[in-house]
C-alpha atoms as a PDB file:
ATOM      1  CA  UNK A   1      18.581  -7.623   2.036  1.00  0.00           C
ATOM      2  CA  UNK A   2      16.309  -6.011  -0.532  1.00  0.00           C
ATOM      3  CA  UNK A   3      12.892  -4.596   0.314  1.00  0.00           C
ATOM      4  CA  UNK A   4       9.996  -5.978  -1.712  1.00  0.00           C
ATOM      5  CA  UNK A   5       6.581  -4.402  -1.023  1.00  0.00           C
ATOM      6  CA  UNK A   6       4.714  -7.397  -2.499  1.00  0.00           C
ATOM      7  CA  UNK A   7       6.459  -9.737  -0.076  1.00  0.00           C
ATOM      8  CA  UNK A   8       5.403  -7.532   2.822  1.00  0.00           C
ATOM      9  CA  UNK A   9       1.851  -7.549   1.479  1.00  0.00           C
ATOM     10  CA  UNK A  10       2.007 -11.357   1.249  1.00  0.00           C
ATOM     11  CA  UNK A  11       3.063 -11.504   4.899  1.00  0.00           C
ATOM     12  CA  UNK A  12       0.093  -9.328   5.882  1.00  0.00           C
ATOM     13  CA  UNK A  13      -2.278 -11.444   3.773  1.00  0.00           C
ATOM     14  CA  UNK A  14      -0.870 -14.624   5.369  1.00  0.00           C
ATOM     15  CA  UNK A  15      -1.812 -13.199   8.762  1.00  0.00           C
ATOM     16  CA  UNK A  16      -5.307 -12.389   7.504  1.00  0.00           C
ATOM     17  CA  UNK A  17      -5.694 -15.917   6.093  1.00  0.00           C
ATOM     18  CA  UNK A  18      -4.620 -17.365   9.454  1.00  0.00           C
ATOM     19  CA  UNK A  19      -7.091 -15.124  11.288  1.00  0.00           C
ATOM     20  CA  UNK A  20      -9.868 -16.169   8.896  1.00  0.00           C
ATOM     21  CA  UNK A  21      -8.969 -19.837   9.476  1.00  0.00           C
ATOM     22  CA  UNK A  22      -9.209 -19.409  13.237  1.00  0.00           C
ATOM     23  CA  UNK A  23     -12.520 -17.569  12.917  1.00  0.00           C
ATOM     24  CA  UNK A  24     -13.937 -20.450  10.876  1.00  0.00           C
ATOM     25  CA  UNK A  25     -12.528 -22.892  13.442  1.00  0.00           C
ATOM     26  CA  UNK A  26     -14.317 -20.986  16.217  1.00  0.00           C
ATOM     27  CA  UNK A  27     -17.501 -20.804  14.153  1.00  0.00           C
ATOM     28  CA  UNK A  28     -17.427 -24.565  13.516  1.00  0.00           C
ATOM     29  CA  UNK A  29     -17.141 -25.243  17.256  1.00  0.00           C
ATOM     30  CA  UNK A  30     -19.855 -22.782  18.258  1.00  0.00           C
ATOM     31  CA  UNK A  31     -23.433 -23.801  17.834  1.00  0.00           C
ATOM     32  CA  UNK A  32     -24.435 -20.873  15.664  1.00  0.00           C
ATOM     33  CA  UNK A  33     -26.462 -21.708  12.586  1.00  0.00           C
ATOM     34  CA  UNK A  34     -25.583 -18.686  10.462  1.00  0.00           C
ATOM     35  CA  UNK A  35     -23.586 -15.485  10.630  1.00  0.00           C
ATOM     36  CA  UNK A  36     -23.981 -12.448   8.388  1.00  0.00           C
ATOM     37  CA  UNK A  37     -20.931 -10.492   7.319  1.00  0.00           C
ATOM     38  CA  UNK A  38     -21.308  -7.569   4.903  1.00  0.00           C
ATOM     39  CA  UNK A  39     -24.443  -9.120   3.447  1.00  0.00           C
ATOM     40  CA  UNK A  40     -22.892 -12.561   2.948  1.00  0.00           C
ATOM     41  CA  UNK A  41     -24.461 -15.356   4.951  1.00  0.00           C
ATOM     42  CA  UNK A  42     -22.110 -17.974   6.402  1.00  0.00           C
ATOM     43  CA  UNK A  43     -23.499 -21.288   7.604  1.00  0.00           C
ATOM     44  CA  UNK A  44     -22.018 -24.583   8.773  1.00  0.00           C
ATOM     45  CA  UNK A  45     -21.960 -26.063   5.237  1.00  0.00           C
ATOM     46  CA  UNK A  46     -19.310 -23.579   4.065  1.00  0.00           C
ATOM     47  CA  UNK A  47     -16.953 -23.916   7.043  1.00  0.00           C
ATOM     48  CA  UNK A  48     -14.752 -26.855   5.975  1.00  0.00           C
ATOM     49  CA  UNK A  49     -14.211 -25.769   2.336  1.00  0.00           C
ATOM     50  CA  UNK A  50     -13.364 -22.268   3.573  1.00  0.00           C
ATOM     51  CA  UNK A  51     -10.885 -23.666   6.096  1.00  0.00           C
ATOM     52  CA  UNK A  52      -9.165 -25.737   3.396  1.00  0.00           C
ATOM     53  CA  UNK A  53      -8.967 -22.656   1.171  1.00  0.00           C
ATOM     54  CA  UNK A  54      -7.489 -20.638   4.043  1.00  0.00           C
ATOM     55  CA  UNK A  55      -4.816 -23.295   4.650  1.00  0.00           C
ATOM     56  CA  UNK A  56      -3.853 -23.344   0.960  1.00  0.00           C
ATOM     57  CA  UNK A  57      -3.773 -19.539   0.748  1.00  0.00           C
ATOM     58  CA  UNK A  58      -1.715 -19.337   3.948  1.00  0.00           C
ATOM     59  CA  UNK A  59       0.885 -21.804   2.655  1.00  0.00           C
ATOM     60  CA  UNK A  60       1.236 -20.016  -0.689  1.00  0.00           C
ATOM     61  CA  UNK A  61       1.510 -16.596   0.953  1.00  0.00           C
ATOM     62  CA  UNK A  62       4.058 -17.807   3.519  1.00  0.00           C
ATOM     63  CA  UNK A  63       6.140 -19.323   0.738  1.00  0.00           C
ATOM     64  CA  UNK A  64       6.127 -16.080  -1.243  1.00  0.00           C
ATOM     65  CA  UNK A  65       6.502 -13.750   1.739  1.00  0.00           C
ATOM     66  CA  UNK A  66       9.407 -15.510   3.418  1.00  0.00           C
ATOM     67  CA  UNK A  67      10.998 -17.412   0.497  1.00  0.00           C
ATOM     68  CA  UNK A  68      10.620 -20.788   2.187  1.00  0.00           C
ATOM     69  CA  UNK A  69      12.496 -23.095  -0.156  1.00  0.00           C
ATOM     70  CA  UNK A  70      12.957 -22.605  -3.857  1.00  0.00           C
ATOM     71  CA  UNK A  71      10.662 -23.948  -6.548  1.00  0.00           C
ATOM     72  CA  UNK A  72      12.118 -24.830  -9.925  1.00  0.00           C
ATOM     73  CA  UNK A  73      11.019 -22.483 -12.673  1.00  0.00           C
ATOM     74  CA  UNK A  74       8.400 -23.775 -15.029  1.00  0.00           C
ATOM     75  CA  UNK A  75       8.923 -23.433 -18.717  1.00  0.00           C
ATOM     76  CA  UNK A  76       6.491 -21.467 -20.849  1.00  0.00           C
ATOM     77  CA  UNK A  77       5.278 -24.712 -22.421  1.00  0.00           C
ATOM     78  CA  UNK A  78       4.236 -26.037 -19.032  1.00  0.00           C
ATOM     79  CA  UNK A  79       2.331 -22.846 -18.181  1.00  0.00           C
ATOM     80  CA  UNK A  80       0.433 -23.036 -21.466  1.00  0.00           C
ATOM     81  CA  UNK A  81      -0.296 -26.752 -20.945  1.00  0.00           C
ATOM     82  CA  UNK A  82      -1.646 -26.152 -17.420  1.00  0.00           C
ATOM     83  CA  UNK A  83      -3.772 -23.213 -18.609  1.00  0.00           C
ATOM     84  CA  UNK A  84      -5.211 -25.301 -21.462  1.00  0.00           C
ATOM     85  CA  UNK A  85      -6.036 -28.146 -19.069  1.00  0.00           C
ATOM     86  CA  UNK A  86      -7.788 -25.792 -16.643  1.00  0.00           C
ATOM     87  CA  UNK A  87      -9.846 -24.201 -19.432  1.00  0.00           C
ATOM     88  CA  UNK A  88     -10.786 -27.693 -20.665  1.00  0.00           C
ATOM     89  CA  UNK A  89     -12.034 -28.665 -17.201  1.00  0.00           C
ATOM     90  CA  UNK A  90     -14.023 -25.422 -16.921  1.00  0.00           C
ATOM     91  CA  UNK A  91     -15.627 -26.016 -20.335  1.00  0.00           C
ATOM     92  CA  UNK A  92     -16.502 -29.595 -19.346  1.00  0.00           C
ATOM     93  CA  UNK A  93     -18.055 -28.354 -16.097  1.00  0.00           C
ATOM     94  CA  UNK A  94     -20.229 -25.880 -18.013  1.00  0.00           C
ATOM     95  CA  UNK A  95     -21.311 -28.591 -20.457  1.00  0.00           C
ATOM     96  CA  UNK A  96     -22.159 -30.856 -17.521  1.00  0.00           C
ATOM     97  CA  UNK A  97     -24.224 -28.038 -15.971  1.00  0.00           C
ATOM     98  CA  UNK A  98     -26.121 -27.475 -19.235  1.00  0.00           C
ATOM     99  CA  UNK A  99     -27.102 -31.139 -19.564  1.00  0.00           C
ATOM    100  CA  UNK A 100     -27.943 -31.723 -15.895  1.00  0.00           C
ATOM    101  CA  UNK A 101     -29.536 -28.349 -15.170  1.00  0.00           C
ATOM    102  CA  UNK A 102     -27.612 -28.027 -11.910  1.00  0.00           C
ATOM    103  CA  UNK A 103     -28.202 -24.838  -9.948  1.00  0.00           C
ATOM    104  CA  UNK A 104     -25.468 -22.398  -9.038  1.00  0.00           C
ATOM    105  CA  UNK A 105     -26.330 -19.821  -6.396  1.00  0.00           C
ATOM    106  CA  UNK A 106     -23.993 -16.874  -5.829  1.00  0.00           C
ATOM    107  CA  UNK A 107     -24.957 -14.815  -2.773  1.00  0.00           C
ATOM    108  CA  UNK A 108     -28.639 -15.533  -3.270  1.00  0.00           C
ATOM    109  CA  UNK A 109     -28.642 -15.056  -7.050  1.00  0.00           C
ATOM    110  CA  UNK A 110     -29.490 -18.164  -9.045  1.00  0.00           C
ATOM    111  CA  UNK A 111     -27.262 -18.191 -12.134  1.00  0.00           C
ATOM    112  CA  UNK A 112     -29.365 -19.029 -15.202  1.00  0.00           C
ATOM    113  CA  UNK A 113     -28.371 -22.105 -17.188  1.00  0.00           C
ATOM    114  CA  UNK A 114     -28.215 -20.147 -20.461  1.00  0.00           C
ATOM    115  CA  UNK A 115     -25.228 -18.259 -19.039  1.00  0.00           C
ATOM    116  CA  UNK A 116     -23.248 -21.512 -19.135  1.00  0.00           C
ATOM    117  CA  UNK A 117     -23.426 -21.434 -22.945  1.00  0.00           C
ATOM    118  CA  UNK A 118     -21.214 -18.341 -22.827  1.00  0.00           C
ATOM    119  CA  UNK A 119     -18.942 -20.147 -20.354  1.00  0.00           C
ATOM    120  CA  UNK A 120     -18.657 -23.096 -22.749  1.00  0.00           C
ATOM    121  CA  UNK A 121     -17.847 -20.829 -25.700  1.00  0.00           C
ATOM    122  CA  UNK A 122     -15.232 -18.755 -23.865  1.00  0.00           C
ATOM    123  CA  UNK A 123     -13.534 -21.647 -22.024  1.00  0.00           C
ATOM    124  CA  UNK A 124     -13.460 -23.817 -25.164  1.00  0.00           C
ATOM    125  CA  UNK A 125     -11.923 -20.991 -27.192  1.00  0.00           C
ATOM    126  CA  UNK A 126      -9.273 -20.354 -24.534  1.00  0.00           C
ATOM    127  CA  UNK A 127      -8.473 -24.084 -24.264  1.00  0.00           C
ATOM    128  CA  UNK A 128      -8.205 -24.385 -28.053  1.00  0.00           C
ATOM    129  CA  UNK A 129      -5.969 -21.312 -28.209  1.00  0.00           C
ATOM    130  CA  UNK A 130      -3.716 -22.647 -25.459  1.00  0.00           C
ATOM    131  CA  UNK A 131      -3.266 -26.014 -27.146  1.00  0.00           C
ATOM    132  CA  UNK A 132      -2.840 -24.322 -30.532  1.00  0.00           C
ATOM    133  CA  UNK A 133      -0.012 -22.146 -29.164  1.00  0.00           C
ATOM    134  CA  UNK A 134       1.487 -25.240 -27.580  1.00  0.00           C
ATOM    135  CA  UNK A 135       1.487 -27.115 -30.880  1.00  0.00           C
ATOM    136  CA  UNK A 136       2.974 -24.115 -32.707  1.00  0.00           C
ATOM    137  CA  UNK A 137       5.830 -23.953 -30.204  1.00  0.00           C
ATOM    138  CA  UNK A 138       6.852 -27.461 -31.180  1.00  0.00           C
ATOM    139  CA  UNK A 139      10.078 -28.565 -29.567  1.00  0.00           C
ATOM    140  CA  UNK A 140      11.307 -25.066 -28.747  1.00  0.00           C
ATOM    141  CA  UNK A 141      12.807 -24.748 -25.295  1.00  0.00           C
ATOM    142  CA  UNK A 142      11.682 -21.669 -23.425  1.00  0.00           C
END
């Protein structure tokens, strides 16, 4: 059996994700309104999304740390296609934010709408580049 430090780190991180999940579970059952942790304020509205994220992170880390099952390898074309799709969704979200004026608050800082113009430019360029590389690959198998 070979020793892989990243797998051991994934096992440790899986334990931390499980502990975080159980803390959020306790917090959701307690009647506390908010909790402050290193300057970040946690309230009841963030509990369920954080618990879902912890479950997803735990499953991914357990899979990597203990090699539970084998996933088929993706081809390079599929990676580029998925990346292009994600960048397209991010660009669309920024465009939606520009036209609706929706607020984004990150730890008390209200992100200005003009910053989304940079997000549109960068995400659109990355999506275009991904799809351009995909079209240049043609039918090559990689």
